């Protein structure tokens, strides 16, 4: 009985519909973990690069010196916003056209780009977290129906006959939960990091505009 109820055996002997459901769930789980790993690396690099940028920006260096340093901080969201805003400032200064609104527009656009960049993939995690349990439940229901049909055909209701079919069906629910739980946890964690990033960029954009306004008057 133990051999017949091993996970691998149950998957191999499941019906075609249940196997398709399991394949879908495994694919969703694999893609979710790929996104989770990439996001973890991206936010880790972001935090380190933003910290380095803040040290340079608030360390008393001139804006030109800060600009030179940002070329080595490609992972920093604040550095990217700085580059776009500083480029807009220089364009206005050199051409003597435009206003602070042009600079603010450049900063806001760079801010939006960074939010989209680091937020990419989160909607997929949310979708997996909300739909995977139901996909697994569909496989379970289908498998149970198939098991009862087999009972009707064999006219045998003993535990040895019923258990494998029910176990095959329940594997789909387990796979659904295994796909959904990490996706939900990661989505909530990364959503929190996105809020922190948005708040950090908001504060930096305001301070940066003040610095540029001060420079424009001198």
C-alpha atoms as a PDB file:
ATOM      1  CA  UNK A   1       0.000   0.000   0.000  1.00  0.00           C
ATOM      2  CA  UNK A   2       2.818   2.450   0.923  1.00  0.00           C
ATOM      3  CA  UNK A   3       4.495   1.854  -2.428  1.00  0.00           C
ATOM      4  CA  UNK A   4       1.235   2.423  -4.287  1.00  0.00           C
ATOM      5  CA  UNK A   5       0.592   5.675  -2.370  1.00  0.00           C
ATOM      6  CA  UNK A   6       4.010   7.281  -2.887  1.00  0.00           C
ATOM      7  CA  UNK A   7       3.774  10.745  -4.451  1.00  0.00           C
ATOM      8  CA  UNK A   8       5.671   9.765  -7.600  1.00  0.00           C
ATOM      9  CA  UNK A   9       3.510   6.676  -8.124  1.00  0.00           C
ATOM     10  CA  UNK A  10       0.315   8.658  -7.604  1.00  0.00           C
ATOM     11  CA  UNK A  11       1.397  11.253 -10.163  1.00  0.00           C
ATOM     12  CA  UNK A  12       2.332   8.623 -12.752  1.00  0.00           C
ATOM     13  CA  UNK A  13      -0.937   6.731 -12.305  1.00  0.00           C
ATOM     14  CA  UNK A  14      -3.205   9.780 -12.173  1.00  0.00           C
ATOM     15  CA  UNK A  15      -5.673  10.424 -14.971  1.00  0.00           C
ATOM     16  CA  UNK A  16      -4.650  12.572 -17.932  1.00  0.00           C
ATOM     17  CA  UNK A  17      -6.682  15.573 -16.730  1.00  0.00           C
ATOM     18  CA  UNK A  18      -5.114  15.448 -13.265  1.00  0.00           C
ATOM     19  CA  UNK A  19      -1.656  15.092 -14.802  1.00  0.00           C
ATOM     20  CA  UNK A  20      -2.266  18.155 -16.976  1.00  0.00           C
ATOM     21  CA  UNK A  21      -3.361  20.078 -13.881  1.00  0.00           C
ATOM     22  CA  UNK A  22      -0.212  18.984 -12.051  1.00  0.00           C
ATOM     23  CA  UNK A  23       1.938  20.016 -15.005  1.00  0.00           C
ATOM     24  CA  UNK A  24       0.297  23.460 -15.052  1.00  0.00           C
ATOM     25  CA  UNK A  25       0.870  23.865 -11.319  1.00  0.00           C
ATOM     26  CA  UNK A  26       4.495  22.759 -11.573  1.00  0.00           C
ATOM     27  CA  UNK A  27       5.038  25.275 -14.379  1.00  0.00           C
ATOM     28  CA  UNK A  28       3.433  28.068 -12.350  1.00  0.00           C
ATOM     29  CA  UNK A  29       5.530  27.117  -9.343  1.00  0.00           C
ATOM     30  CA  UNK A  30       8.749  27.092 -11.378  1.00  0.00           C
ATOM     31  CA  UNK A  31       7.994  30.512 -12.898  1.00  0.00           C
ATOM     32  CA  UNK A  32       7.067  31.892  -9.477  1.00  0.00           C
ATOM     33  CA  UNK A  33      10.332  30.744  -7.931  1.00  0.00           C
ATOM     34  CA  UNK A  34      12.263  32.212 -10.869  1.00  0.00           C
ATOM     35  CA  UNK A  35      10.570  35.582 -10.294  1.00  0.00           C
ATOM     36  CA  UNK A  36      11.094  35.344  -6.523  1.00  0.00           C
ATOM     37  CA  UNK A  37      14.817  34.654  -6.939  1.00  0.00           C
ATOM     38  CA  UNK A  38      15.278  37.454  -9.493  1.00  0.00           C
ATOM     39  CA  UNK A  39      13.328  39.917  -7.351  1.00  0.00           C
ATOM     40  CA  UNK A  40      15.335  39.009  -4.279  1.00  0.00           C
ATOM     41  CA  UNK A  41      18.570  39.671  -6.162  1.00  0.00           C
ATOM     42  CA  UNK A  42      17.228  42.897  -7.671  1.00  0.00           C
ATOM     43  CA  UNK A  43      16.074  44.367  -4.356  1.00  0.00           C
ATOM     44  CA  UNK A  44      19.283  43.294  -2.641  1.00  0.00           C
ATOM     45  CA  UNK A  45      21.332  45.080  -5.306  1.00  0.00           C
ATOM     46  CA  UNK A  46      18.955  48.061  -5.172  1.00  0.00           C
ATOM     47  CA  UNK A  47      19.358  48.544  -1.423  1.00  0.00           C
ATOM     48  CA  UNK A  48      23.142  48.358  -1.618  1.00  0.00           C
ATOM     49  CA  UNK A  49      23.332  50.740  -4.592  1.00  0.00           C
ATOM     50  CA  UNK A  50      20.849  53.243  -3.115  1.00  0.00           C
ATOM     51  CA  UNK A  51      22.821  53.318   0.123  1.00  0.00           C
ATOM     52  CA  UNK A  52      26.021  54.040  -1.807  1.00  0.00           C
ATOM     53  CA  UNK A  53      24.282  56.748  -3.823  1.00  0.00           C
ATOM     54  CA  UNK A  54      22.894  58.442  -0.715  1.00  0.00           C
ATOM     55  CA  UNK A  55      26.391  58.495   0.796  1.00  0.00           C
ATOM     56  CA  UNK A  56      27.674  60.294  -2.302  1.00  0.00           C
ATOM     57  CA  UNK A  57      24.697  62.620  -2.793  1.00  0.00           C
ATOM     58  CA  UNK A  58      24.522  63.781   0.818  1.00  0.00           C
ATOM     59  CA  UNK A  59      28.267  63.616   1.373  1.00  0.00           C
ATOM     60  CA  UNK A  60      28.925  67.150   0.195  1.00  0.00           C
ATOM     61  CA  UNK A  61      30.007  66.303  -3.344  1.00  0.00           C
ATOM     62  CA  UNK A  62      29.092  68.635  -6.198  1.00  0.00           C
ATOM     63  CA  UNK A  63      26.323  67.603  -8.573  1.00  0.00           C
ATOM     64  CA  UNK A  64      28.889  66.961 -11.313  1.00  0.00           C
ATOM     65  CA  UNK A  65      30.810  64.654  -8.970  1.00  0.00           C
ATOM     66  CA  UNK A  66      27.597  62.873  -8.049  1.00  0.00           C
ATOM     67  CA  UNK A  67      26.840  62.458 -11.764  1.00  0.00           C
ATOM     68  CA  UNK A  68      30.233  60.828 -12.287  1.00  0.00           C
ATOM     69  CA  UNK A  69      29.575  58.393  -9.435  1.00  0.00           C
ATOM     70  CA  UNK A  70      26.110  57.373 -10.689  1.00  0.00           C
ATOM     71  CA  UNK A  71      27.637  55.654 -13.715  1.00  0.00           C
ATOM     72  CA  UNK A  72      28.859  52.942 -11.335  1.00  0.00           C
ATOM     73  CA  UNK A  73      25.496  52.604  -9.583  1.00  0.00           C
ATOM     74  CA  UNK A  74      23.265  51.260 -12.327  1.00  0.00           C
ATOM     75  CA  UNK A  75      21.221  49.257  -9.793  1.00  0.00           C
ATOM     76  CA  UNK A  76      20.254  52.376  -7.833  1.00  0.00           C
ATOM     77  CA  UNK A  77      16.756  53.724  -8.466  1.00  0.00           C
ATOM     78  CA  UNK A  78      17.676  57.067  -6.936  1.00  0.00           C
ATOM     79  CA  UNK A  79      20.743  57.331  -9.172  1.00  0.00           C
ATOM     80  CA  UNK A  80      18.562  56.772 -12.248  1.00  0.00           C
ATOM     81  CA  UNK A  81      16.143  59.480 -11.119  1.00  0.00           C
ATOM     82  CA  UNK A  82      19.101  61.783 -10.438  1.00  0.00           C
ATOM     83  CA  UNK A  83      20.547  61.235 -13.912  1.00  0.00           C
ATOM     84  CA  UNK A  84      17.281  62.086 -15.674  1.00  0.00           C
ATOM     85  CA  UNK A  85      16.610  65.104 -13.508  1.00  0.00           C
ATOM     86  CA  UNK A  86      20.165  66.425 -13.793  1.00  0.00           C
ATOM     87  CA  UNK A  87      20.115  65.949 -17.577  1.00  0.00           C
ATOM     88  CA  UNK A  88      16.870  67.959 -17.781  1.00  0.00           C
ATOM     89  CA  UNK A  89      18.408  70.646 -15.556  1.00  0.00           C
ATOM     90  CA  UNK A  90      21.470  70.947 -17.785  1.00  0.00           C
ATOM     91  CA  UNK A  91      19.326  71.081 -20.924  1.00  0.00           C
ATOM     92  CA  UNK A  92      17.310  73.957 -19.532  1.00  0.00           C
ATOM     93  CA  UNK A  93      20.441  75.703 -18.300  1.00  0.00           C
ATOM     94  CA  UNK A  94      22.343  75.321 -21.589  1.00  0.00           C
ATOM     95  CA  UNK A  95      19.444  76.156 -23.914  1.00  0.00           C
ATOM     96  CA  UNK A  96      17.992  78.732 -21.531  1.00  0.00           C
ATOM     97  CA  UNK A  97      14.545  77.303 -22.261  1.00  0.00           C
ATOM     98  CA  UNK A  98      12.034  75.450 -20.167  1.00  0.00           C
ATOM     99  CA  UNK A  99      11.263  75.631 -16.478  1.00  0.00           C
ATOM    100  CA  UNK A 100      11.248  73.666 -13.262  1.00  0.00           C
ATOM    101  CA  UNK A 101       8.206  71.818 -14.595  1.00  0.00           C
ATOM    102  CA  UNK A 102      10.379  70.210 -17.262  1.00  0.00           C
ATOM    103  CA  UNK A 103      12.777  68.988 -14.586  1.00  0.00           C
ATOM    104  CA  UNK A 104       9.938  67.713 -12.420  1.00  0.00           C
ATOM    105  CA  UNK A 105       8.436  65.902 -15.414  1.00  0.00           C
ATOM    106  CA  UNK A 106      11.781  64.196 -16.116  1.00  0.00           C
ATOM    107  CA  UNK A 107      12.112  63.184 -12.462  1.00  0.00           C
ATOM    108  CA  UNK A 108       8.553  61.864 -12.264  1.00  0.00           C
ATOM    109  CA  UNK A 109       9.012  59.905 -15.490  1.00  0.00           C
ATOM    110  CA  UNK A 110      12.237  58.310 -14.224  1.00  0.00           C
ATOM    111  CA  UNK A 111      10.485  57.575 -10.920  1.00  0.00           C
ATOM    112  CA  UNK A 112       7.639  55.806 -12.758  1.00  0.00           C
ATOM    113  CA  UNK A 113      10.088  53.808 -14.886  1.00  0.00           C
ATOM    114  CA  UNK A 114      11.865  52.562 -11.760  1.00  0.00           C
ATOM    115  CA  UNK A 115       8.598  51.565 -10.093  1.00  0.00           C
ATOM    116  CA  UNK A 116       7.578  49.595 -13.189  1.00  0.00           C
ATOM    117  CA  UNK A 117      11.021  48.017 -13.399  1.00  0.00           C
ATOM    118  CA  UNK A 118      11.047  46.702  -9.850  1.00  0.00           C
ATOM    119  CA  UNK A 119       7.326  45.923  -9.828  1.00  0.00           C
ATOM    120  CA  UNK A 120       7.451  43.716 -12.922  1.00  0.00           C
ATOM    121  CA  UNK A 121       6.346  40.171 -12.181  1.00  0.00           C
ATOM    122  CA  UNK A 122       4.456  40.935  -8.979  1.00  0.00           C
ATOM    123  CA  UNK A 123       1.087  40.682 -10.730  1.00  0.00           C
ATOM    124  CA  UNK A 124       2.057  37.169 -11.846  1.00  0.00           C
ATOM    125  CA  UNK A 125       2.817  36.170  -8.248  1.00  0.00           C
ATOM    126  CA  UNK A 126      -0.549  37.570  -7.185  1.00  0.00           C
ATOM    127  CA  UNK A 127      -2.280  35.619  -9.948  1.00  0.00           C
ATOM    128  CA  UNK A 128      -0.553  32.366  -8.985  1.00  0.00           C
ATOM    129  CA  UNK A 129      -1.333  32.931  -5.322  1.00  0.00           C
ATOM    130  CA  UNK A 130      -5.025  33.457  -5.992  1.00  0.00           C
ATOM    131  CA  UNK A 131      -5.634  30.886  -8.737  1.00  0.00           C
ATOM    132  CA  UNK A 132      -3.296  27.947  -7.998  1.00  0.00           C
ATOM    133  CA  UNK A 133      -5.443  26.547  -5.136  1.00  0.00           C
ATOM    134  CA  UNK A 134      -8.506  26.560  -7.398  1.00  0.00           C
ATOM    135  CA  UNK A 135      -6.611  24.906 -10.237  1.00  0.00           C
ATOM    136  CA  UNK A 136      -5.518  22.233  -7.776  1.00  0.00           C
ATOM    137  CA  UNK A 137      -9.080  21.919  -6.477  1.00  0.00           C
ATOM    138  CA  UNK A 138     -10.317  21.381 -10.020  1.00  0.00           C
ATOM    139  CA  UNK A 139      -7.827  18.532 -10.409  1.00  0.00           C
ATOM    140  CA  UNK A 140      -8.968  17.093  -7.080  1.00  0.00           C
ATOM    141  CA  UNK A 141     -12.658  17.207  -7.988  1.00  0.00           C
ATOM    142  CA  UNK A 142     -11.971  15.651 -11.372  1.00  0.00           C
ATOM    143  CA  UNK A 143      -9.828  12.938  -9.799  1.00  0.00           C
ATOM    144  CA  UNK A 144     -12.484  12.104  -7.185  1.00  0.00           C
ATOM    145  CA  UNK A 145     -15.155  11.862  -9.870  1.00  0.00           C
ATOM    146  CA  UNK A 146     -12.887   9.521 -11.815  1.00  0.00           C
ATOM    147  CA  UNK A 147     -12.253   7.454  -8.666  1.00  0.00           C
ATOM    148  CA  UNK A 148     -15.974   7.042  -7.989  1.00  0.00           C
ATOM    149  CA  UNK A 149     -16.567   6.061 -11.602  1.00  0.00           C
ATOM    150  CA  UNK A 150     -13.958   3.321 -11.176  1.00  0.00           C
ATOM    151  CA  UNK A 151     -15.701   2.180  -7.997  1.00  0.00           C
ATOM    152  CA  UNK A 152     -18.941   1.952  -9.909  1.00  0.00           C
ATOM    153  CA  UNK A 153     -17.316  -0.100 -12.645  1.00  0.00           C
ATOM    154  CA  UNK A 154     -15.531  -2.516 -10.324  1.00  0.00           C
ATOM    155  CA  UNK A 155     -18.299  -2.663  -7.694  1.00  0.00           C
ATOM    156  CA  UNK A 156     -15.539  -2.736  -5.103  1.00  0.00           C
ATOM    157  CA  UNK A 157     -15.614  -0.209  -2.232  1.00  0.00           C
ATOM    158  CA  UNK A 158     -12.768  -1.612  -0.151  1.00  0.00           C
ATOM    159  CA  UNK A 159     -10.146   0.801   1.173  1.00  0.00           C
ATOM    160  CA  UNK A 160      -7.463  -0.754  -1.010  1.00  0.00           C
ATOM    161  CA  UNK A 161      -9.536   0.121  -4.072  1.00  0.00           C
ATOM    162  CA  UNK A 162     -10.728   3.574  -2.993  1.00  0.00           C
ATOM    163  CA  UNK A 163      -7.562   4.955  -1.362  1.00  0.00           C
ATOM    164  CA  UNK A 164      -5.288   5.217  -4.445  1.00  0.00           C
ATOM    165  CA  UNK A 165      -7.882   7.107  -6.502  1.00  0.00           C
ATOM    166  CA  UNK A 166      -8.693   9.549  -3.698  1.00  0.00           C
ATOM    167  CA  UNK A 167      -4.988  10.032  -2.942  1.00  0.00           C
ATOM    168  CA  UNK A 168      -4.282  10.799  -6.611  1.00  0.00           C
ATOM    169  CA  UNK A 169      -6.980  13.446  -6.514  1.00  0.00           C
ATOM    170  CA  UNK A 170      -5.721  15.058  -3.311  1.00  0.00           C
ATOM    171  CA  UNK A 171      -2.208  15.373  -4.737  1.00  0.00           C
ATOM    172  CA  UNK A 172      -3.571  18.086  -7.041  1.00  0.00           C
ATOM    173  CA  UNK A 173      -4.745  20.129  -4.051  1.00  0.00           C
ATOM    174  CA  UNK A 174      -1.352  19.725  -2.394  1.00  0.00           C
ATOM    175  CA  UNK A 175       0.432  20.879  -5.551  1.00  0.00           C
ATOM    176  CA  UNK A 176      -1.917  23.864  -5.777  1.00  0.00           C
ATOM    177  CA  UNK A 177      -1.075  24.931  -2.238  1.00  0.00           C
ATOM    178  CA  UNK A 178       2.643  24.369  -2.798  1.00  0.00           C
ATOM    179  CA  UNK A 179       2.477  26.721  -5.782  1.00  0.00           C
ATOM    180  CA  UNK A 180       0.270  29.319  -4.097  1.00  0.00           C
ATOM    181  CA  UNK A 181       1.803  29.701  -0.630  1.00  0.00           C
ATOM    182  CA  UNK A 182       5.320  30.846  -1.696  1.00  0.00           C
ATOM    183  CA  UNK A 183       3.779  33.149  -4.328  1.00  0.00           C
ATOM    184  CA  UNK A 184       1.523  34.840  -1.750  1.00  0.00           C
ATOM    185  CA  UNK A 185       4.316  35.221   0.805  1.00  0.00           C
ATOM    186  CA  UNK A 186       6.701  36.630  -1.815  1.00  0.00           C
ATOM    187  CA  UNK A 187       4.051  38.963  -3.237  1.00  0.00           C
ATOM    188  CA  UNK A 188       3.343  40.462   0.182  1.00  0.00           C
ATOM    189  CA  UNK A 189       7.057  40.803   0.961  1.00  0.00           C
ATOM    190  CA  UNK A 190       7.917  42.457  -2.349  1.00  0.00           C
ATOM    191  CA  UNK A 191       4.856  44.705  -2.196  1.00  0.00           C
ATOM    192  CA  UNK A 192       6.207  45.999   1.104  1.00  0.00           C
ATOM    193  CA  UNK A 193       9.574  46.657  -0.529  1.00  0.00           C
ATOM    194  CA  UNK A 194       7.829  48.481  -3.385  1.00  0.00           C
ATOM    195  CA  UNK A 195       6.111  50.768  -0.892  1.00  0.00           C
ATOM    196  CA  UNK A 196       9.461  51.488   0.742  1.00  0.00           C
ATOM    197  CA  UNK A 197      11.002  52.216  -2.672  1.00  0.00           C
ATOM    198  CA  UNK A 198       8.152  54.556  -3.607  1.00  0.00           C
ATOM    199  CA  UNK A 199       8.496  56.419  -0.320  1.00  0.00           C
ATOM    200  CA  UNK A 200      12.271  56.672  -0.748  1.00  0.00           C
ATOM    201  CA  UNK A 201      11.960  58.019  -4.298  1.00  0.00           C
ATOM    202  CA  UNK A 202       9.259  60.446  -3.213  1.00  0.00           C
ATOM    203  CA  UNK A 203      11.507  61.908  -0.533  1.00  0.00           C
ATOM    204  CA  UNK A 204      14.512  62.027  -2.842  1.00  0.00           C
ATOM    205  CA  UNK A 205      12.573  63.712  -5.668  1.00  0.00           C
ATOM    206  CA  UNK A 206      11.422  66.465  -3.329  1.00  0.00           C
ATOM    207  CA  UNK A 207      14.899  67.064  -1.910  1.00  0.00           C
ATOM    208  CA  UNK A 208      16.536  66.887  -5.339  1.00  0.00           C
ATOM    209  CA  UNK A 209      14.157  69.510  -6.729  1.00  0.00           C
ATOM    210  CA  UNK A 210      15.051  71.771  -3.806  1.00  0.00           C
ATOM    211  CA  UNK A 211      18.756  71.324  -4.541  1.00  0.00           C
ATOM    212  CA  UNK A 212      18.288  72.069  -8.255  1.00  0.00           C
ATOM    213  CA  UNK A 213      16.138  75.108  -7.492  1.00  0.00           C
ATOM    214  CA  UNK A 214      18.862  76.405  -5.180  1.00  0.00           C
ATOM    215  CA  UNK A 215      21.519  75.884  -7.876  1.00  0.00           C
ATOM    216  CA  UNK A 216      19.378  77.601 -10.512  1.00  0.00           C
ATOM    217  CA  UNK A 217      19.250  80.763  -8.384  1.00  0.00           C
ATOM    218  CA  UNK A 218      23.044  80.973  -8.045  1.00  0.00           C
END
